[in-house]
Amino acid sequence: MRAGLIPRNIRDPLDQFHDVFTKPSLESLQQMTLAVINCQKSRNVMNLHGSLSDNLRKSRTAYEYFFNQGKWSDAAVAQRKADLFFEILGVGDGDTIRVITDDTYKGKKREATTGAWKYTGTSFLT
């Protein structure tokens, strides 16, 4: 089955990245997001491209360009994701949050195992 429309529940959240991507790149992001969800094969560009209907998809090379040479910044995307996340949580400018990074999955009790980062509304300061 091929995906033929970008559903609103995919399109609307990704529209919040409109100033991080060019319009064609944002369209590619939306299409590739839908393709990742829809694709039943291994997720490479050729299979992702094939999982989109003819009326929706661009050329396969357009998606390869998007992933490999597109004019967007992964740092800007990460910052936007953080901004949206903290907006949802109600974290404001100057608020202190604790970011705990731990790959042991064991409970910690001491203050020394955490790091406090200050969110400035545009970026993090340590």
PDB file of N, CA and C in Angstrom:
ATOM      1  N   MET A   1       0.836  -1.175   0.000  1.00  0.00           N
ATOM      2  CA  MET A   1       0.000   0.000   0.000  1.00  0.00           C
ATOM      3  C   MET A   1       0.886   1.245   0.000  1.00  0.00           C
ATOM      4  N   ARG A   2       0.562   2.186  -0.854  1.00  0.00           N
ATOM      5  CA  ARG A   2       1.336   3.419  -0.926  1.00  0.00           C
ATOM      6  C   ARG A   2       0.572   4.566  -0.266  1.00  0.00           C
ATOM      7  N   ALA A   3       1.320   5.399   0.414  1.00  0.00           N
ATOM      8  CA  ALA A   3       0.725   6.562   1.072  1.00  0.00           C
ATOM      9  C   ALA A   3       0.504   7.653   0.031  1.00  0.00           C
ATOM     10  N   GLY A   4      -0.690   8.262   0.041  1.00  0.00           N
ATOM     11  CA  GLY A   4      -1.020   9.252  -0.972  1.00  0.00           C
ATOM     12  C   GLY A   4      -1.228  10.658  -0.453  1.00  0.00           C
ATOM     13  N   LEU A   5      -1.428  10.839   0.836  1.00  0.00           N
ATOM     14  CA  LEU A   5      -1.634  12.157   1.429  1.00  0.00           C
ATOM     15  C   LEU A   5      -0.836  12.264   2.716  1.00  0.00           C
ATOM     16  N   ILE A   6      -0.388  13.465   3.022  1.00  0.00           N
ATOM     17  CA  ILE A   6       0.268  13.699   4.310  1.00  0.00           C
ATOM     18  C   ILE A   6      -0.849  13.973   5.321  1.00  0.00           C
ATOM     19  N   PRO A   7      -1.077  13.059   6.261  1.00  0.00           N
ATOM     20  CA  PRO A   7      -2.140  13.292   7.254  1.00  0.00           C
ATOM     21  C   PRO A   7      -1.834  14.523   8.103  1.00  0.00           C
ATOM     22  N   ARG A   8      -2.879  15.158   8.547  1.00  0.00           N
ATOM     23  CA  ARG A   8      -2.748  16.381   9.355  1.00  0.00           C
ATOM     24  C   ARG A   8      -1.926  16.142  10.625  1.00  0.00           C
ATOM     25  N   ASN A   9      -2.048  14.932  11.232  1.00  0.00           N
ATOM     26  CA  ASN A   9      -1.316  14.671  12.477  1.00  0.00           C
ATOM     27  C   ASN A   9       0.187  14.514  12.240  1.00  0.00           C
ATOM     28  N   ILE A  10       0.617  14.405  11.001  1.00  0.00           N
ATOM     29  CA  ILE A  10       2.048  14.433  10.662  1.00  0.00           C
ATOM     30  C   ILE A  10       2.424  15.836  10.189  1.00  0.00           C
ATOM     31  N   ARG A  11       1.602  16.406   9.313  1.00  0.00           N
ATOM     32  CA  ARG A  11       1.904  17.700   8.705  1.00  0.00           C
ATOM     33  C   ARG A  11       1.950  18.834   9.738  1.00  0.00           C
ATOM     34  N   ASP A  12       0.950  18.917  10.608  1.00  0.00           N
ATOM     35  CA  ASP A  12       0.860  20.052  11.531  1.00  0.00           C
ATOM     36  C   ASP A  12       2.035  20.152  12.502  1.00  0.00           C
ATOM     37  N   PRO A  13       2.423  19.055  13.183  1.00  0.00           N
ATOM     38  CA  PRO A  13       3.584  19.178  14.075  1.00  0.00           C
ATOM     39  C   PRO A  13       4.875  19.536  13.325  1.00  0.00           C
ATOM     40  N   LEU A  14       5.048  18.990  12.131  1.00  0.00           N
ATOM     41  CA  LEU A  14       6.267  19.289  11.379  1.00  0.00           C
ATOM     42  C   LEU A  14       6.259  20.711  10.824  1.00  0.00           C
ATOM     43  N   ASP A  15       5.081  21.310  10.658  1.00  0.00           N
ATOM     44  CA  ASP A  15       5.002  22.703  10.212  1.00  0.00           C
ATOM     45  C   ASP A  15       5.652  23.650  11.214  1.00  0.00           C
ATOM     46  N   GLN A  16       5.809  23.210  12.468  1.00  0.00           N
ATOM     47  CA  GLN A  16       6.460  24.050  13.467  1.00  0.00           C
ATOM     48  C   GLN A  16       7.958  24.204  13.199  1.00  0.00           C
ATOM     49  N   PHE A  17       8.462  23.472  12.209  1.00  0.00           N
ATOM     50  CA  PHE A  17       9.869  23.567  11.806  1.00  0.00           C
ATOM     51  C   PHE A  17      10.020  24.391  10.522  1.00  0.00           C
ATOM     52  N   HIS A  18       8.988  25.175  10.166  1.00  0.00           N
ATOM     53  CA  HIS A  18       8.983  25.881   8.885  1.00  0.00           C
ATOM     54  C   HIS A  18      10.156  26.847   8.714  1.00  0.00           C
ATOM     55  N   ASP A  19      10.658  27.406   9.794  1.00  0.00           N
ATOM     56  CA  ASP A  19      11.777  28.345   9.638  1.00  0.00           C
ATOM     57  C   ASP A  19      13.142  27.669   9.758  1.00  0.00           C
ATOM     58  N   VAL A  20      13.164  26.365  10.014  1.00  0.00           N
ATOM     59  CA  VAL A  20      14.414  25.608  10.076  1.00  0.00           C
ATOM     60  C   VAL A  20      14.731  24.992   8.710  1.00  0.00           C
ATOM     61  N   PHE A  21      13.683  24.752   7.916  1.00  0.00           N
ATOM     62  CA  PHE A  21      13.819  24.145   6.598  1.00  0.00           C
ATOM     63  C   PHE A  21      13.311  25.102   5.532  1.00  0.00           C
ATOM     64  N   THR A  22      13.824  24.954   4.320  1.00  0.00           N
ATOM     65  CA  THR A  22      13.212  25.628   3.182  1.00  0.00           C
ATOM     66  C   THR A  22      11.871  24.944   2.921  1.00  0.00           C
ATOM     67  N   LYS A  23      11.003  25.562   2.152  1.00  0.00           N
ATOM     68  CA  LYS A  23       9.707  24.954   1.855  1.00  0.00           C
ATOM     69  C   LYS A  23       9.869  23.594   1.175  1.00  0.00           C
ATOM     70  N   PRO A  24      10.733  23.452   0.151  1.00  0.00           N
ATOM     71  CA  PRO A  24      10.907  22.123  -0.455  1.00  0.00           C
ATOM     72  C   PRO A  24      11.476  21.092   0.524  1.00  0.00           C
ATOM     73  N   SER A  25      12.384  21.516   1.402  1.00  0.00           N
ATOM     74  CA  SER A  25      12.949  20.587   2.377  1.00  0.00           C
ATOM     75  C   SER A  25      11.918  20.173   3.413  1.00  0.00           C
ATOM     76  N   LEU A  26      11.054  21.097   3.823  1.00  0.00           N
ATOM     77  CA  LEU A  26       9.996  20.758   4.764  1.00  0.00           C
ATOM     78  C   LEU A  26       9.036  19.755   4.140  1.00  0.00           C
ATOM     79  N   GLU A  27       8.730  19.930   2.862  1.00  0.00           N
ATOM     80  CA  GLU A  27       7.886  18.953   2.156  1.00  0.00           C
ATOM     81  C   GLU A  27       8.563  17.582   2.129  1.00  0.00           C
ATOM     82  N   SER A  28       9.870  17.564   1.871  1.00  0.00           N
ATOM     83  CA  SER A  28      10.609  16.300   1.870  1.00  0.00           C
ATOM     84  C   SER A  28      10.575  15.656   3.245  1.00  0.00           C
ATOM     85  N   LEU A  29      10.741  16.446   4.303  1.00  0.00           N
ATOM     86  CA  LEU A  29      10.680  15.924   5.668  1.00  0.00           C
ATOM     87  C   LEU A  29       9.315  15.298   5.943  1.00  0.00           C
ATOM     88  N   GLN A  30       8.258  15.992   5.565  1.00  0.00           N
ATOM     89  CA  GLN A  30       6.907  15.464   5.782  1.00  0.00           C
ATOM     90  C   GLN A  30       6.700  14.168   5.006  1.00  0.00           C
ATOM     91  N   GLN A  31       7.135  14.158   3.757  1.00  0.00           N
ATOM     92  CA  GLN A  31       6.967  12.967   2.929  1.00  0.00           C
ATOM     93  C   GLN A  31       7.797  11.798   3.457  1.00  0.00           C
ATOM     94  N   MET A  32       9.021  12.062   3.856  1.00  0.00           N
ATOM     95  CA  MET A  32       9.866  10.983   4.366  1.00  0.00           C
ATOM     96  C   MET A  32       9.365  10.479   5.720  1.00  0.00           C
ATOM     97  N   THR A  33       8.795  11.356   6.542  1.00  0.00           N
ATOM     98  CA  THR A  33       8.207  10.922   7.806  1.00  0.00           C
ATOM     99  C   THR A  33       7.052   9.966   7.544  1.00  0.00           C
ATOM    100  N   LEU A  34       6.195  10.327   6.614  1.00  0.00           N
ATOM    101  CA  LEU A  34       5.091   9.442   6.237  1.00  0.00           C
ATOM    102  C   LEU A  34       5.626   8.135   5.662  1.00  0.00           C
ATOM    103  N   ALA A  35       6.668   8.216   4.839  1.00  0.00           N
ATOM    104  CA  ALA A  35       7.242   7.014   4.237  1.00  0.00           C
ATOM    105  C   ALA A  35       7.825   6.082   5.289  1.00  0.00           C
ATOM    106  N   VAL A  36       8.499   6.619   6.298  1.00  0.00           N
ATOM    107  CA  VAL A  36       9.060   5.792   7.375  1.00  0.00           C
ATOM    108  C   VAL A  36       7.941   5.049   8.094  1.00  0.00           C
ATOM    109  N   ILE A  37       6.828   5.722   8.325  1.00  0.00           N
ATOM    110  CA  ILE A  37       5.693   5.085   8.997  1.00  0.00           C
ATOM    111  C   ILE A  37       5.072   4.014   8.106  1.00  0.00           C
ATOM    112  N   ASN A  38       4.982   4.288   6.830  1.00  0.00           N
ATOM    113  CA  ASN A  38       4.251   3.433   5.897  1.00  0.00           C
ATOM    114  C   ASN A  38       5.077   2.283   5.313  1.00  0.00           C
ATOM    115  N   CYS A  39       6.375   2.437   5.228  1.00  0.00           N
ATOM    116  CA  CYS A  39       7.226   1.472   4.527  1.00  0.00           C
ATOM    117  C   CYS A  39       7.257   0.125   5.252  1.00  0.00           C
ATOM    118  N   GLN A  40       7.038  -0.937   4.499  1.00  0.00           N
ATOM    119  CA  GLN A  40       7.038  -2.283   5.058  1.00  0.00           C
ATOM    120  C   GLN A  40       8.364  -3.002   4.829  1.00  0.00           C
ATOM    121  N   LYS A  41       9.274  -2.391   4.104  1.00  0.00           N
ATOM    122  CA  LYS A  41      10.572  -2.987   3.795  1.00  0.00           C
ATOM    123  C   LYS A  41      11.644  -2.297   4.630  1.00  0.00           C
ATOM    124  N   SER A  42      12.903  -2.647   4.378  1.00  0.00           N
ATOM    125  CA  SER A  42      13.983  -1.931   5.059  1.00  0.00           C
ATOM    126  C   SER A  42      13.901  -0.461   4.643  1.00  0.00           C
ATOM    127  N   ARG A  43      14.254   0.404   5.555  1.00  0.00           N
ATOM    128  CA  ARG A  43      14.040   1.832   5.341  1.00  0.00           C
ATOM    129  C   ARG A  43      15.285   2.497   4.759  1.00  0.00           C
ATOM    130  N   ASN A  44      15.455   2.327   3.467  1.00  0.00           N
ATOM    131  CA  ASN A  44      16.472   3.076   2.735  1.00  0.00           C
ATOM    132  C   ASN A  44      15.737   4.024   1.795  1.00  0.00           C
ATOM    133  N   VAL A  45      16.457   4.934   1.179  1.00  0.00           N
ATOM    134  CA  VAL A  45      15.805   5.962   0.371  1.00  0.00           C
ATOM    135  C   VAL A  45      14.988   5.349  -0.764  1.00  0.00           C
ATOM    136  N   MET A  46      15.497   4.322  -1.401  1.00  0.00           N
ATOM    137  CA  MET A  46      14.779   3.706  -2.508  1.00  0.00           C
ATOM    138  C   MET A  46      13.435   3.128  -2.028  1.00  0.00           C
ATOM    139  N   ASN A  47      13.431   2.401  -0.925  1.00  0.00           N
ATOM    140  CA  ASN A  47      12.190   1.819  -0.415  1.00  0.00           C
ATOM    141  C   ASN A  47      11.247   2.876   0.149  1.00  0.00           C
ATOM    142  N   LEU A  48      11.799   3.887   0.808  1.00  0.00           N
ATOM    143  CA  LEU A  48      10.954   4.972   1.306  1.00  0.00           C
ATOM    144  C   LEU A  48      10.279   5.677   0.137  1.00  0.00           C
ATOM    145  N   HIS A  49      11.042   5.958  -0.888  1.00  0.00           N
ATOM    146  CA  HIS A  49      10.516   6.602  -2.090  1.00  0.00           C
ATOM    147  C   HIS A  49       9.398   5.756  -2.691  1.00  0.00           C
ATOM    148  N   GLY A  50       9.604   4.451  -2.763  1.00  0.00           N
ATOM    149  CA  GLY A  50       8.613   3.554  -3.336  1.00  0.00           C
ATOM    150  C   GLY A  50       7.347   3.416  -2.520  1.00  0.00           C
ATOM    151  N   SER A  51       7.395   3.777  -1.233  1.00  0.00           N
ATOM    152  CA  SER A  51       6.210   3.637  -0.386  1.00  0.00           C
ATOM    153  C   SER A  51       5.261   4.830  -0.504  1.00  0.00           C
ATOM    154  N   LEU A  52       5.668   5.854  -1.253  1.00  0.00           N
ATOM    155  CA  LEU A  52       4.811   7.023  -1.470  1.00  0.00           C
ATOM    156  C   LEU A  52       4.114   6.914  -2.821  1.00  0.00           C
ATOM    157  N   SER A  53       2.899   7.416  -2.917  1.00  0.00           N
ATOM    158  CA  SER A  53       2.178   7.360  -4.189  1.00  0.00           C
ATOM    159  C   SER A  53       2.794   8.342  -5.185  1.00  0.00           C
ATOM    160  N   ASP A  54       2.539   8.087  -6.465  1.00  0.00           N
ATOM    161  CA  ASP A  54       3.120   8.908  -7.526  1.00  0.00           C
ATOM    162  C   ASP A  54       2.744  10.377  -7.404  1.00  0.00           C
ATOM    163  N   ASN A  55       1.525  10.671  -6.952  1.00  0.00           N
ATOM    164  CA  ASN A  55       1.089  12.069  -6.857  1.00  0.00           C
ATOM    165  C   ASN A  55       1.718  12.806  -5.679  1.00  0.00           C
ATOM    166  N   LEU A  56       2.324  12.088  -4.756  1.00  0.00           N
ATOM    167  CA  LEU A  56       2.897  12.709  -3.557  1.00  0.00           C
ATOM    168  C   LEU A  56       4.413  12.831  -3.629  1.00  0.00           C
ATOM    169  N   ARG A  57       5.055  11.862  -4.213  1.00  0.00           N
ATOM    170  CA  ARG A  57       6.506  11.793  -4.098  1.00  0.00           C
ATOM    171  C   ARG A  57       7.236  12.647  -5.136  1.00  0.00           C
ATOM    172  N   LYS A  58       8.435  13.010  -4.732  1.00  0.00           N
ATOM    173  CA  LYS A  58       9.395  13.678  -5.604  1.00  0.00           C
ATOM    174  C   LYS A  58      10.291  12.601  -6.212  1.00  0.00           C
ATOM    175  N   SER A  59      11.288  13.022  -6.947  1.00  0.00           N
ATOM    176  CA  SER A  59      12.233  12.038  -7.479  1.00  0.00           C
ATOM    177  C   SER A  59      13.053  11.447  -6.330  1.00  0.00           C
ATOM    178  N   ARG A  60      13.542  10.242  -6.516  1.00  0.00           N
ATOM    179  CA  ARG A  60      14.363   9.593  -5.498  1.00  0.00           C
ATOM    180  C   ARG A  60      15.599  10.424  -5.201  1.00  0.00           C
ATOM    181  N   THR A  61      16.200  11.020  -6.220  1.00  0.00           N
ATOM    182  CA  THR A  61      17.416  11.819  -6.006  1.00  0.00           C
ATOM    183  C   THR A  61      17.128  13.070  -5.176  1.00  0.00           C
ATOM    184  N   ALA A  62      15.900  13.579  -5.234  1.00  0.00           N
ATOM    185  CA  ALA A  62      15.553  14.738  -4.396  1.00  0.00           C
ATOM    186  C   ALA A  62      15.630  14.371  -2.922  1.00  0.00           C
ATOM    187  N   TYR A  63      15.209  13.158  -2.582  1.00  0.00           N
ATOM    188  CA  TYR A  63      15.280  12.714  -1.185  1.00  0.00           C
ATOM    189  C   TYR A  63      16.719  12.406  -0.779  1.00  0.00           C
ATOM    190  N   GLU A  64      17.483  11.853  -1.687  1.00  0.00           N
ATOM    191  CA  GLU A  64      18.902  11.620  -1.390  1.00  0.00           C
ATOM    192  C   GLU A  64      19.602  12.948  -1.132  1.00  0.00           C
ATOM    193  N   TYR A  65      19.288  13.965  -1.923  1.00  0.00           N
ATOM    194  CA  TYR A  65      19.855  15.296  -1.711  1.00  0.00           C
ATOM    195  C   TYR A  65      19.419  15.842  -0.349  1.00  0.00           C
ATOM    196  N   PHE A  66      18.146  15.679  -0.014  1.00  0.00           N
ATOM    197  CA  PHE A  66      17.630  16.159   1.271  1.00  0.00           C
ATOM    198  C   PHE A  66      18.432  15.584   2.434  1.00  0.00           C
ATOM    199  N   PHE A  67      18.686  14.282   2.404  1.00  0.00           N
ATOM    200  CA  PHE A  67      19.416  13.642   3.493  1.00  0.00           C
ATOM    201  C   PHE A  67      20.908  13.932   3.474  1.00  0.00           C
ATOM    202  N   ASN A  68      21.508  14.000   2.316  1.00  0.00           N
ATOM    203  CA  ASN A  68      22.964  14.077   2.219  1.00  0.00           C
ATOM    204  C   ASN A  68      23.523  15.471   2.027  1.00  0.00           C
ATOM    205  N   GLN A  69      22.794  16.349   1.353  1.00  0.00           N
ATOM    206  CA  GLN A  69      23.349  17.663   1.030  1.00  0.00           C
ATOM    207  C   GLN A  69      22.376  18.800   1.271  1.00  0.00           C
ATOM    208  N   GLY A  70      21.253  18.516   1.893  1.00  0.00           N
ATOM    209  CA  GLY A  70      20.245  19.543   2.113  1.00  0.00           C
ATOM    210  C   GLY A  70      20.783  20.706   2.931  1.00  0.00           C
ATOM    211  N   LYS A  71      20.195  21.857   2.716  1.00  0.00           N
ATOM    212  CA  LYS A  71      20.633  23.081   3.387  1.00  0.00           C
ATOM    213  C   LYS A  71      19.854  23.289   4.687  1.00  0.00           C
ATOM    214  N   TRP A  72      19.980  22.337   5.606  1.00  0.00           N
ATOM    215  CA  TRP A  72      19.357  22.461   6.910  1.00  0.00           C
ATOM    216  C   TRP A  72      20.357  21.991   7.954  1.00  0.00           C
ATOM    217  N   SER A  73      20.164  22.455   9.151  1.00  0.00           N
ATOM    218  CA  SER A  73      21.113  22.197  10.230  1.00  0.00           C
ATOM    219  C   SER A  73      20.493  21.254  11.261  1.00  0.00           C
ATOM    220  N   ASP A  74      21.185  20.150  11.525  1.00  0.00           N
ATOM    221  CA  ASP A  74      20.684  19.239  12.558  1.00  0.00           C
ATOM    222  C   ASP A  74      20.694  19.915  13.926  1.00  0.00           C
ATOM    223  N   ALA A  75      21.621  20.836  14.151  1.00  0.00           N
ATOM    224  CA  ALA A  75      21.650  21.574  15.422  1.00  0.00           C
ATOM    225  C   ALA A  75      20.421  22.469  15.549  1.00  0.00           C
ATOM    226  N   ALA A  76      20.017  23.114  14.459  1.00  0.00           N
ATOM    227  CA  ALA A  76      18.820  23.964  14.494  1.00  0.00           C
ATOM    228  C   ALA A  76      17.562  23.124  14.713  1.00  0.00           C
ATOM    229  N   VAL A  77      17.512  21.941  14.117  1.00  0.00           N
ATOM    230  CA  VAL A  77      16.377  21.039  14.322  1.00  0.00           C
ATOM    231  C   VAL A  77      16.338  20.589  15.782  1.00  0.00           C
ATOM    232  N   ALA A  78      17.487  20.219  16.334  1.00  0.00           N
ATOM    233  CA  ALA A  78      17.551  19.783  17.735  1.00  0.00           C
ATOM    234  C   ALA A  78      17.128  20.920  18.672  1.00  0.00           C
ATOM    235  N   GLN A  79      17.575  22.138  18.381  1.00  0.00           N
ATOM    236  CA  GLN A  79      17.203  23.277  19.221  1.00  0.00           C
ATOM    237  C   GLN A  79      15.702  23.519  19.155  1.00  0.00           C
ATOM    238  N   ARG A  80      15.113  23.418  17.951  1.00  0.00           N
ATOM    239  CA  ARG A  80      13.667  23.607  17.823  1.00  0.00           C
ATOM    240  C   ARG A  80      12.905  22.526  18.590  1.00  0.00           C
ATOM    241  N   LYS A  81      13.383  21.287  18.525  1.00  0.00           N
ATOM    242  CA  LYS A  81      12.743  20.198  19.280  1.00  0.00           C
ATOM    243  C   LYS A  81      12.795  20.511  20.772  1.00  0.00           C
ATOM    244  N   ALA A  82      13.929  20.986  21.253  1.00  0.00           N
ATOM    245  CA  ALA A  82      14.057  21.335  22.668  1.00  0.00           C
ATOM    246  C   ALA A  82      13.120  22.491  23.021  1.00  0.00           C
ATOM    247  N   ASP A  83      13.068  23.506  22.161  1.00  0.00           N
ATOM    248  CA  ASP A  83      12.175  24.641  22.417  1.00  0.00           C
ATOM    249  C   ASP A  83      10.727  24.189  22.536  1.00  0.00           C
ATOM    250  N   LEU A  84      10.291  23.342  21.612  1.00  0.00           N
ATOM    251  CA  LEU A  84       8.912  22.850  21.640  1.00  0.00           C
ATOM    252  C   LEU A  84       8.651  21.997  22.880  1.00  0.00           C
ATOM    253  N   PHE A  85       9.615  21.151  23.229  1.00  0.00           N
ATOM    254  CA  PHE A  85       9.489  20.298  24.404  1.00  0.00           C
ATOM    255  C   PHE A  85       9.320  21.142  25.670  1.00  0.00           C
ATOM    256  N   PHE A  86      10.169  22.150  25.835  1.00  0.00           N
ATOM    257  CA  PHE A  86      10.099  22.966  27.039  1.00  0.00           C
ATOM    258  C   PHE A  86       8.899  23.904  27.025  1.00  0.00           C
ATOM    259  N   GLU A  87       8.451  24.285  25.854  1.00  0.00           N
ATOM    260  CA  GLU A  87       7.221  25.072  25.768  1.00  0.00           C
ATOM    261  C   GLU A  87       6.043  24.247  26.278  1.00  0.00           C
ATOM    262  N   ILE A  88       5.972  22.994  25.875  1.00  0.00           N
ATOM    263  CA  ILE A  88       4.900  22.103  26.333  1.00  0.00           C
ATOM    264  C   ILE A  88       4.957  21.930  27.850  1.00  0.00           C
ATOM    265  N   LEU A  89       6.180  21.830  28.406  1.00  0.00           N
ATOM    266  CA  LEU A  89       6.338  21.655  29.848  1.00  0.00           C
ATOM    267  C   LEU A  89       6.145  22.955  30.625  1.00  0.00           C
ATOM    268  N   GLY A  90       6.129  24.082  29.933  1.00  0.00           N
ATOM    269  CA  GLY A  90       5.966  25.364  30.608  1.00  0.00           C
ATOM    270  C   GLY A  90       7.244  25.897  31.215  1.00  0.00           C
ATOM    271  N   VAL A  91       8.397  25.430  30.721  1.00  0.00           N
ATOM    272  CA  VAL A  91       9.679  25.930  31.206  1.00  0.00           C
ATOM    273  C   VAL A  91       9.926  27.286  30.561  1.00  0.00           C
ATOM    274  N   GLY A  92      10.227  28.284  31.373  1.00  0.00           N
ATOM    275  CA  GLY A  92      10.408  29.638  30.877  1.00  0.00           C
ATOM    276  C   GLY A  92      11.844  30.091  30.877  1.00  0.00           C
ATOM    277  N   ASP A  93      12.041  31.261  30.328  1.00  0.00           N
ATOM    278  CA  ASP A  93      13.360  31.875  30.254  1.00  0.00           C
ATOM    279  C   ASP A  93      13.937  32.033  31.655  1.00  0.00           C
ATOM    280  N   GLY A  94      15.153  31.535  31.851  1.00  0.00           N
ATOM    281  CA  GLY A  94      15.824  31.643  33.133  1.00  0.00           C
ATOM    282  C   GLY A  94      15.501  30.536  34.117  1.00  0.00           C
ATOM    283  N   ASP A  95      14.527  29.703  33.807  1.00  0.00           N
ATOM    284  CA  ASP A  95      14.216  28.575  34.689  1.00  0.00           C
ATOM    285  C   ASP A  95      15.381  27.598  34.696  1.00  0.00           C
ATOM    286  N   THR A  96      15.598  26.983  35.838  1.00  0.00           N
ATOM    287  CA  THR A  96      16.632  25.964  35.944  1.00  0.00           C
ATOM    288  C   THR A  96      15.985  24.597  35.848  1.00  0.00           C
ATOM    289  N   ILE A  97      16.555  23.765  35.028  1.00  0.00           N
ATOM    290  CA  ILE A  97      16.067  22.397  34.902  1.00  0.00           C
ATOM    291  C   ILE A  97      17.231  21.453  35.167  1.00  0.00           C
ATOM    292  N   ARG A  98      16.915  20.258  35.536  1.00  0.00           N
ATOM    293  CA  ARG A  98      17.945  19.245  35.730  1.00  0.00           C
ATOM    294  C   ARG A  98      17.865  18.251  34.591  1.00  0.00           C
ATOM    295  N   VAL A  99      18.993  18.036  33.970  1.00  0.00           N
ATOM    296  CA  VAL A  99      19.102  17.062  32.897  1.00  0.00           C
ATOM    297  C   VAL A  99      19.937  15.912  33.428  1.00  0.00           C
ATOM    298  N   ILE A 100      19.347  14.750  33.489  1.00  0.00           N
ATOM    299  CA  ILE A 100      20.042  13.588  34.023  1.00  0.00           C
ATOM    300  C   ILE A 100      20.298  12.614  32.884  1.00  0.00           C
ATOM    301  N   THR A 101      21.550  12.344  32.649  1.00  0.00           N
ATOM    302  CA  THR A 101      21.945  11.413  31.604  1.00  0.00           C
ATOM    303  C   THR A 101      22.604  10.224  32.265  1.00  0.00           C
ATOM    304  N   ASP A 102      22.009   9.064  32.062  1.00  0.00           N
ATOM    305  CA  ASP A 102      22.516   7.874  32.729  1.00  0.00           C
ATOM    306  C   ASP A 102      22.112   6.661  31.920  1.00  0.00           C
ATOM    307  N   ASP A 103      23.061   5.835  31.570  1.00  0.00           N
ATOM    308  CA  ASP A 103      22.745   4.646  30.776  1.00  0.00           C
ATOM    309  C   ASP A 103      22.733   3.367  31.617  1.00  0.00           C
ATOM    310  N   THR A 104      22.790   3.493  32.951  1.00  0.00           N
ATOM    311  CA  THR A 104      22.832   2.297  33.796  1.00  0.00           C
ATOM    312  C   THR A 104      21.443   1.813  34.209  1.00  0.00           C
ATOM    313  N   TYR A 105      20.448   2.661  34.110  1.00  0.00           N
ATOM    314  CA  TYR A 105      19.084   2.348  34.534  1.00  0.00           C
ATOM    315  C   TYR A 105      19.001   1.996  36.014  1.00  0.00           C
ATOM    316  N   LYS A 106      19.947   2.506  36.808  1.00  0.00           N
ATOM    317  CA  LYS A 106      19.923   2.282  38.255  1.00  0.00           C
ATOM    318  C   LYS A 106      19.604   3.599  38.942  1.00  0.00           C
ATOM    319  N   GLY A 107      18.832   3.522  39.987  1.00  0.00           N
ATOM    320  CA  GLY A 107      18.443   4.719  40.717  1.00  0.00           C
ATOM    321  C   GLY A 107      19.638   5.440  41.323  1.00  0.00           C
ATOM    322  N   LYS A 108      19.580   6.734  41.327  1.00  0.00           N
ATOM    323  CA  LYS A 108      20.640   7.558  41.914  1.00  0.00           C
ATOM    324  C   LYS A 108      20.028   8.406  43.020  1.00  0.00           C
ATOM    325  N   LYS A 109      20.803   8.626  44.080  1.00  0.00           N
ATOM    326  CA  LYS A 109      20.296   9.404  45.206  1.00  0.00           C
ATOM    327  C   LYS A 109      21.102  10.661  45.469  1.00  0.00           C
ATOM    328  N   ARG A 110      22.295  10.745  44.928  1.00  0.00           N
ATOM    329  CA  ARG A 110      23.166  11.867  45.267  1.00  0.00           C
ATOM    330  C   ARG A 110      23.053  12.986  44.246  1.00  0.00           C
ATOM    331  N   GLU A 111      23.179  14.173  44.723  1.00  0.00           N
ATOM    332  CA  GLU A 111      23.107  15.372  43.890  1.00  0.00           C
ATOM    333  C   GLU A 111      24.215  15.398  42.838  1.00  0.00           C
ATOM    334  N   ALA A 112      25.352  14.790  43.125  1.00  0.00           N
ATOM    335  CA  ALA A 112      26.500  14.829  42.216  1.00  0.00           C
ATOM    336  C   ALA A 112      26.245  14.095  40.897  1.00  0.00           C
ATOM    337  N   THR A 113      25.179  13.316  40.817  1.00  0.00           N
ATOM    338  CA  THR A 113      24.916  12.575  39.583  1.00  0.00           C
ATOM    339  C   THR A 113      24.078  13.373  38.592  1.00  0.00           C
ATOM    340  N   THR A 114      23.694  14.587  38.933  1.00  0.00           N
ATOM    341  CA  THR A 114      22.873  15.390  38.027  1.00  0.00           C
ATOM    342  C   THR A 114      23.635  16.631  37.603  1.00  0.00           C
ATOM    343  N   GLY A 115      23.187  17.221  36.521  1.00  0.00           N
ATOM    344  CA  GLY A 115      23.745  18.483  36.050  1.00  0.00           C
ATOM    345  C   GLY A 115      22.612  19.471  35.869  1.00  0.00           C
ATOM    346  N   ALA A 116      22.812  20.691  36.279  1.00  0.00           N
ATOM    347  CA  ALA A 116      21.780  21.713  36.109  1.00  0.00           C
ATOM    348  C   ALA A 116      22.137  22.578  34.914  1.00  0.00           C
ATOM    349  N   TRP A 117      21.200  22.722  34.028  1.00  0.00           N
ATOM    350  CA  TRP A 117      21.374  23.577  32.855  1.00  0.00           C
ATOM    351  C   TRP A 117      20.347  24.687  32.935  1.00  0.00           C
ATOM    352  N   LYS A 118      20.731  25.857  32.526  1.00  0.00           N
ATOM    353  CA  LYS A 118      19.816  26.981  32.535  1.00  0.00           C
ATOM    354  C   LYS A 118      19.311  27.193  31.120  1.00  0.00           C
ATOM    355  N   TYR A 119      18.010  27.184  30.940  1.00  0.00           N
ATOM    356  CA  TYR A 119      17.404  27.400  29.625  1.00  0.00           C
ATOM    357  C   TYR A 119      17.146  28.883  29.475  1.00  0.00           C
ATOM    358  N   THR A 120      17.677  29.498  28.433  1.00  0.00           N
ATOM    359  CA  THR A 120      17.559  30.944  28.259  1.00  0.00           C
ATOM    360  C   THR A 120      16.389  31.334  27.353  1.00  0.00           C
ATOM    361  N   GLY A 121      15.667  30.360  26.856  1.00  0.00           N
ATOM    362  CA  GLY A 121      14.598  30.650  25.914  1.00  0.00           C
ATOM    363  C   GLY A 121      15.063  30.494  24.484  1.00  0.00           C
ATOM    364  N   THR A 122      16.377  30.468  24.280  1.00  0.00           N
ATOM    365  CA  THR A 122      16.908  30.255  22.934  1.00  0.00           C
ATOM    366  C   THR A 122      17.955  29.177  22.904  1.00  0.00           C
ATOM    367  N   SER A 123      18.564  28.877  24.053  1.00  0.00           N
ATOM    368  CA  SER A 123      19.581  27.824  24.089  1.00  0.00           C
ATOM    369  C   SER A 123      19.859  27.465  25.542  1.00  0.00           C
ATOM    370  N   PHE A 124      20.710  26.446  25.713  1.00  0.00           N
ATOM    371  CA  PHE A 124      21.085  26.004  27.053  1.00  0.00           C
ATOM    372  C   PHE A 124      22.446  26.577  27.424  1.00  0.00           C
ATOM    373  N   LEU A 125      22.578  26.932  28.685  1.00  0.00           N
ATOM    374  CA  LEU A 125      23.860  27.346  29.246  1.00  0.00           C
ATOM    375  C   LEU A 125      24.200  26.398  30.378  1.00  0.00           C
ATOM    376  N   THR A 126      25.440  25.960  30.461  1.00  0.00           N
ATOM    377  CA  THR A 126      25.820  25.073  31.562  1.00  0.00           C
ATOM    378  C   THR A 126      26.368  25.878  32.706  1.00  0.00           C
TER     379      THR A 126
END
